[in-house]
């Protein structure tokens, strides 16, 4: 499955549009991670715990997007957009795009 943020795929022709697909992931943040992230923010540096959670949520959202596109008979998703939100100490990642059949 080709997944891209661009509206087209170089060297490929979009033969059919299957529809909009979305994948979401919501992950809770561990209290201890919050404490260590706060310390990291105070002394400077990157928060590895949050970066790992962010990466995990993004991977889940993109996988769900691909799975939903495959169910529609698509072999690619174009125009993918990733959105990130924090809701009540939970991290939400949403991926959306257009499922297409390319040749």
N, C-alpha and C. Protein backbone atom coordinates (compact mmCIF):
# COMPACT_ATOMS: atom_id res chain seq x y z
N UNK A 1 0.85 -1.18 0.00
CA UNK A 1 0.00 0.00 0.00
C UNK A 1 0.90 1.23 0.00
N UNK A 2 0.68 2.11 -0.99
CA UNK A 2 1.40 3.38 -1.04
C UNK A 2 0.60 4.40 -0.24
N UNK A 3 1.26 5.08 0.68
CA UNK A 3 0.63 6.12 1.49
C UNK A 3 1.47 7.38 1.34
N UNK A 4 0.83 8.46 0.88
CA UNK A 4 1.59 9.68 0.63
C UNK A 4 0.78 10.93 0.97
N UNK A 5 1.48 11.98 1.32
CA UNK A 5 0.83 13.26 1.62
C UNK A 5 0.53 14.03 0.34
N UNK A 6 1.10 13.62 -0.77
CA UNK A 6 0.90 14.31 -2.04
C UNK A 6 -0.44 13.91 -2.67
N UNK A 7 -0.99 14.76 -3.57
CA UNK A 7 -2.28 14.43 -4.18
C UNK A 7 -2.19 13.41 -5.31
N UNK A 8 -0.97 13.07 -5.71
CA UNK A 8 -0.78 12.08 -6.77
C UNK A 8 0.50 11.31 -6.49
N UNK A 9 0.73 10.26 -7.30
CA UNK A 9 1.93 9.44 -7.13
C UNK A 9 2.68 9.44 -8.45
N UNK A 10 3.89 9.92 -8.43
CA UNK A 10 4.68 10.03 -9.65
C UNK A 10 4.81 8.67 -10.32
N UNK A 11 4.53 8.64 -11.63
CA UNK A 11 4.64 7.42 -12.40
C UNK A 11 3.42 6.52 -12.32
N UNK A 12 2.42 6.92 -11.54
CA UNK A 12 1.20 6.13 -11.39
C UNK A 12 0.01 6.98 -11.83
N UNK A 13 -1.02 6.31 -12.30
CA UNK A 13 -2.26 6.97 -12.68
C UNK A 13 -3.37 6.52 -11.73
N UNK A 14 -4.11 7.49 -11.20
CA UNK A 14 -5.25 7.14 -10.35
C UNK A 14 -6.38 6.68 -11.25
N UNK A 15 -6.75 5.40 -11.11
CA UNK A 15 -7.79 4.81 -11.94
C UNK A 15 -9.17 4.94 -11.30
N UNK A 16 -9.22 4.99 -9.96
CA UNK A 16 -10.50 5.05 -9.27
C UNK A 16 -10.32 5.64 -7.88
N UNK A 17 -11.26 6.48 -7.49
CA UNK A 17 -11.29 7.03 -6.14
C UNK A 17 -12.27 6.21 -5.32
N UNK A 18 -11.79 5.67 -4.21
CA UNK A 18 -12.61 4.78 -3.37
C UNK A 18 -13.28 5.51 -2.22
N UNK A 19 -12.78 6.66 -1.84
CA UNK A 19 -13.39 7.44 -0.77
C UNK A 19 -12.40 7.86 0.30
N UNK A 20 -12.88 8.67 1.21
CA UNK A 20 -12.07 9.18 2.31
C UNK A 20 -11.92 8.08 3.37
N UNK A 21 -10.72 7.91 3.86
CA UNK A 21 -10.45 6.95 4.93
C UNK A 21 -9.77 7.68 6.09
N UNK A 22 -10.03 7.17 7.29
CA UNK A 22 -9.49 7.78 8.50
C UNK A 22 -8.98 6.68 9.43
N UNK A 23 -7.90 6.96 10.12
CA UNK A 23 -7.40 6.08 11.17
C UNK A 23 -7.10 6.93 12.39
N UNK A 24 -7.47 6.43 13.56
CA UNK A 24 -7.23 7.17 14.80
C UNK A 24 -6.56 6.29 15.83
N UNK A 25 -5.84 6.94 16.71
CA UNK A 25 -5.24 6.24 17.85
C UNK A 25 -5.26 7.19 19.03
N UNK A 26 -5.70 6.69 20.16
CA UNK A 26 -5.69 7.47 21.39
C UNK A 26 -4.94 6.64 22.43
N UNK A 27 -3.86 7.22 22.93
CA UNK A 27 -3.04 6.52 23.92
C UNK A 27 -2.93 7.35 25.19
N UNK A 28 -3.07 6.68 26.32
CA UNK A 28 -2.93 7.35 27.61
C UNK A 28 -1.46 7.52 27.96
N UNK A 29 -1.16 8.60 28.66
CA UNK A 29 0.22 8.85 29.11
C UNK A 29 0.36 8.37 30.55
N UNK A 30 1.40 7.62 30.82
CA UNK A 30 1.69 7.08 32.14
C UNK A 30 2.09 8.21 33.09
N UNK A 31 1.65 8.15 34.33
CA UNK A 31 1.94 9.18 35.32
C UNK A 31 3.45 9.35 35.51
N UNK A 32 4.20 8.25 35.58
CA UNK A 32 5.65 8.36 35.75
C UNK A 32 6.31 9.01 34.55
N UNK A 33 5.81 8.72 33.36
CA UNK A 33 6.34 9.38 32.17
C UNK A 33 6.10 10.89 32.25
N UNK A 34 4.91 11.28 32.74
CA UNK A 34 4.59 12.70 32.88
C UNK A 34 5.58 13.39 33.81
N UNK A 35 5.89 12.72 34.92
CA UNK A 35 6.84 13.30 35.89
C UNK A 35 8.22 13.46 35.25
N UNK A 36 8.72 12.40 34.60
CA UNK A 36 10.04 12.48 33.97
C UNK A 36 10.05 13.45 32.80
N UNK A 37 8.96 13.56 32.08
CA UNK A 37 8.88 14.52 30.98
C UNK A 37 8.94 15.94 31.54
N UNK A 38 8.29 16.15 32.69
CA UNK A 38 8.33 17.46 33.32
C UNK A 38 9.73 17.82 33.75
N UNK A 39 10.47 16.86 34.29
CA UNK A 39 11.86 17.10 34.69
C UNK A 39 12.70 17.41 33.47
N UNK A 40 12.49 16.66 32.40
CA UNK A 40 13.24 16.91 31.15
C UNK A 40 12.95 18.32 30.65
N UNK A 41 11.68 18.75 30.73
CA UNK A 41 11.32 20.08 30.27
C UNK A 41 12.01 21.16 31.11
N UNK A 42 12.17 20.91 32.41
CA UNK A 42 12.80 21.89 33.30
C UNK A 42 14.29 21.99 33.02
N UNK A 43 14.97 20.85 32.87
CA UNK A 43 16.43 20.87 32.69
C UNK A 43 16.83 20.94 31.22
N UNK A 44 15.87 20.81 30.34
CA UNK A 44 16.16 20.88 28.90
C UNK A 44 16.33 19.49 28.31
N UNK A 45 16.25 19.42 27.02
CA UNK A 45 16.41 18.14 26.34
C UNK A 45 15.09 17.65 25.78
N UNK A 46 15.15 16.47 25.22
CA UNK A 46 13.98 15.87 24.59
C UNK A 46 13.35 14.85 25.53
N UNK A 47 12.04 14.68 25.38
CA UNK A 47 11.32 13.70 26.18
C UNK A 47 11.15 12.42 25.37
N UNK A 48 12.05 11.47 25.61
CA UNK A 48 12.03 10.20 24.88
C UNK A 48 10.74 9.43 25.08
N UNK A 49 10.17 9.48 26.29
CA UNK A 49 8.93 8.74 26.58
C UNK A 49 7.78 9.26 25.71
N UNK A 50 7.65 10.58 25.62
CA UNK A 50 6.59 11.14 24.79
C UNK A 50 6.85 10.89 23.31
N UNK A 51 8.10 10.96 22.90
CA UNK A 51 8.42 10.69 21.50
C UNK A 51 8.05 9.26 21.11
N UNK A 52 8.29 8.31 22.02
CA UNK A 52 7.92 6.92 21.76
C UNK A 52 6.41 6.76 21.65
N UNK A 53 5.67 7.39 22.56
CA UNK A 53 4.21 7.31 22.54
C UNK A 53 3.66 7.95 21.27
N UNK A 54 4.23 9.08 20.89
CA UNK A 54 3.80 9.77 19.68
C UNK A 54 4.04 8.89 18.45
N UNK A 55 5.20 8.26 18.38
CA UNK A 55 5.51 7.36 17.27
C UNK A 55 4.58 6.16 17.23
N UNK A 56 4.27 5.60 18.41
CA UNK A 56 3.37 4.45 18.47
C UNK A 56 1.96 4.84 17.99
N UNK A 57 1.47 5.99 18.45
CA UNK A 57 0.14 6.44 18.05
C UNK A 57 0.08 6.72 16.55
N UNK A 58 1.10 7.32 16.00
CA UNK A 58 1.16 7.61 14.56
C UNK A 58 1.14 6.31 13.76
N UNK A 59 1.93 5.33 14.18
CA UNK A 59 1.97 4.04 13.49
C UNK A 59 0.61 3.34 13.51
N UNK A 60 -0.07 3.39 14.65
CA UNK A 60 -1.39 2.77 14.77
C UNK A 60 -2.39 3.46 13.86
N UNK A 61 -2.39 4.80 13.86
CA UNK A 61 -3.33 5.55 13.03
C UNK A 61 -3.10 5.28 11.54
N UNK A 62 -1.85 5.23 11.11
CA UNK A 62 -1.55 4.97 9.70
C UNK A 62 -1.90 3.53 9.31
N UNK A 63 -1.67 2.58 10.20
CA UNK A 63 -2.02 1.19 9.93
C UNK A 63 -3.53 1.04 9.78
N UNK A 64 -4.27 1.70 10.66
CA UNK A 64 -5.74 1.66 10.58
C UNK A 64 -6.22 2.30 9.28
N UNK A 65 -5.59 3.39 8.88
CA UNK A 65 -5.91 4.05 7.61
C UNK A 65 -5.69 3.09 6.44
N UNK A 66 -4.56 2.42 6.41
CA UNK A 66 -4.25 1.45 5.35
C UNK A 66 -5.25 0.30 5.34
N UNK A 67 -5.58 -0.22 6.51
CA UNK A 67 -6.53 -1.33 6.59
C UNK A 67 -7.90 -0.93 6.04
N UNK A 68 -8.36 0.26 6.36
CA UNK A 68 -9.65 0.73 5.87
C UNK A 68 -9.62 0.96 4.36
N UNK A 69 -8.49 1.43 3.85
CA UNK A 69 -8.37 1.62 2.41
C UNK A 69 -8.40 0.28 1.69
N UNK A 70 -7.72 -0.72 2.24
CA UNK A 70 -7.69 -2.05 1.64
C UNK A 70 -9.09 -2.66 1.57
N UNK A 71 -9.89 -2.45 2.60
CA UNK A 71 -11.26 -2.96 2.62
C UNK A 71 -12.07 -2.37 1.45
N UNK A 72 -11.76 -1.14 1.09
CA UNK A 72 -12.45 -0.48 -0.03
C UNK A 72 -11.91 -0.91 -1.39
N UNK A 73 -10.86 -1.72 -1.41
CA UNK A 73 -10.27 -2.17 -2.66
C UNK A 73 -9.20 -1.23 -3.20
N UNK A 74 -8.69 -0.35 -2.36
CA UNK A 74 -7.65 0.59 -2.76
C UNK A 74 -6.27 -0.03 -2.62
N UNK A 75 -5.31 0.48 -3.39
CA UNK A 75 -3.93 0.05 -3.24
C UNK A 75 -3.01 1.23 -2.89
N UNK A 76 -3.64 2.39 -2.62
CA UNK A 76 -2.88 3.58 -2.23
C UNK A 76 -3.80 4.55 -1.50
N UNK A 77 -3.18 5.44 -0.73
CA UNK A 77 -3.91 6.53 -0.07
C UNK A 77 -3.12 7.81 -0.37
N UNK A 78 -3.80 8.79 -0.96
CA UNK A 78 -3.15 10.06 -1.30
C UNK A 78 -3.71 11.18 -0.44
N UNK A 79 -2.97 12.29 -0.39
CA UNK A 79 -3.42 13.46 0.36
C UNK A 79 -3.52 13.22 1.85
N UNK A 80 -2.65 12.38 2.39
CA UNK A 80 -2.72 12.04 3.82
C UNK A 80 -2.36 13.24 4.68
N UNK A 81 -3.16 13.45 5.72
CA UNK A 81 -2.94 14.51 6.68
C UNK A 81 -2.91 13.89 8.07
N UNK A 82 -1.93 14.27 8.87
CA UNK A 82 -1.82 13.79 10.25
C UNK A 82 -2.14 14.94 11.20
N UNK A 83 -3.02 14.67 12.16
CA UNK A 83 -3.37 15.67 13.17
C UNK A 83 -3.07 15.10 14.55
N UNK A 84 -2.58 15.97 15.43
CA UNK A 84 -2.21 15.57 16.79
C UNK A 84 -2.98 16.44 17.78
N UNK A 85 -3.55 15.81 18.80
CA UNK A 85 -4.28 16.52 19.84
C UNK A 85 -3.98 15.88 21.19
N UNK A 86 -4.09 16.67 22.25
CA UNK A 86 -4.01 16.15 23.61
C UNK A 86 -5.38 16.36 24.23
N UNK A 87 -5.98 15.27 24.70
CA UNK A 87 -7.31 15.33 25.31
C UNK A 87 -7.22 14.68 26.69
N UNK A 88 -7.42 15.48 27.74
CA UNK A 88 -7.39 14.94 29.11
C UNK A 88 -6.18 14.05 29.37
N UNK A 89 -5.00 14.54 29.09
CA UNK A 89 -3.75 13.80 29.30
C UNK A 89 -3.63 12.55 28.42
N UNK A 90 -4.40 12.50 27.37
CA UNK A 90 -4.30 11.40 26.41
C UNK A 90 -3.88 11.99 25.07
N UNK A 91 -3.09 11.24 24.35
CA UNK A 91 -2.60 11.68 23.06
C UNK A 91 -3.46 11.07 21.96
N UNK A 92 -3.98 11.91 21.06
CA UNK A 92 -4.77 11.43 19.94
C UNK A 92 -4.07 11.80 18.64
N UNK A 93 -3.91 10.81 17.78
CA UNK A 93 -3.37 11.03 16.45
C UNK A 93 -4.43 10.57 15.46
N UNK A 94 -4.73 11.44 14.49
CA UNK A 94 -5.71 11.12 13.46
C UNK A 94 -5.03 11.25 12.10
N UNK A 95 -5.22 10.23 11.26
CA UNK A 95 -4.69 10.24 9.90
C UNK A 95 -5.86 10.14 8.94
N UNK A 96 -5.91 11.02 7.94
CA UNK A 96 -6.99 10.96 6.96
C UNK A 96 -6.41 11.14 5.57
N UNK A 97 -7.11 10.58 4.59
CA UNK A 97 -6.65 10.69 3.21
C UNK A 97 -7.71 10.11 2.27
N UNK A 98 -7.37 10.07 1.00
CA UNK A 98 -8.27 9.53 -0.01
C UNK A 98 -7.75 8.19 -0.50
N UNK A 99 -8.57 7.17 -0.34
CA UNK A 99 -8.22 5.83 -0.81
C UNK A 99 -8.41 5.79 -2.33
N UNK A 100 -7.41 5.30 -3.05
CA UNK A 100 -7.47 5.25 -4.51
C UNK A 100 -6.93 3.94 -5.02
N UNK A 101 -7.28 3.66 -6.27
CA UNK A 101 -6.72 2.52 -6.99
C UNK A 101 -5.80 3.10 -8.04
N UNK A 102 -4.51 2.77 -7.97
CA UNK A 102 -3.55 3.31 -8.93
C UNK A 102 -3.04 2.20 -9.84
N UNK A 103 -2.67 2.60 -11.05
CA UNK A 103 -2.09 1.66 -12.03
C UNK A 103 -0.80 2.21 -12.56
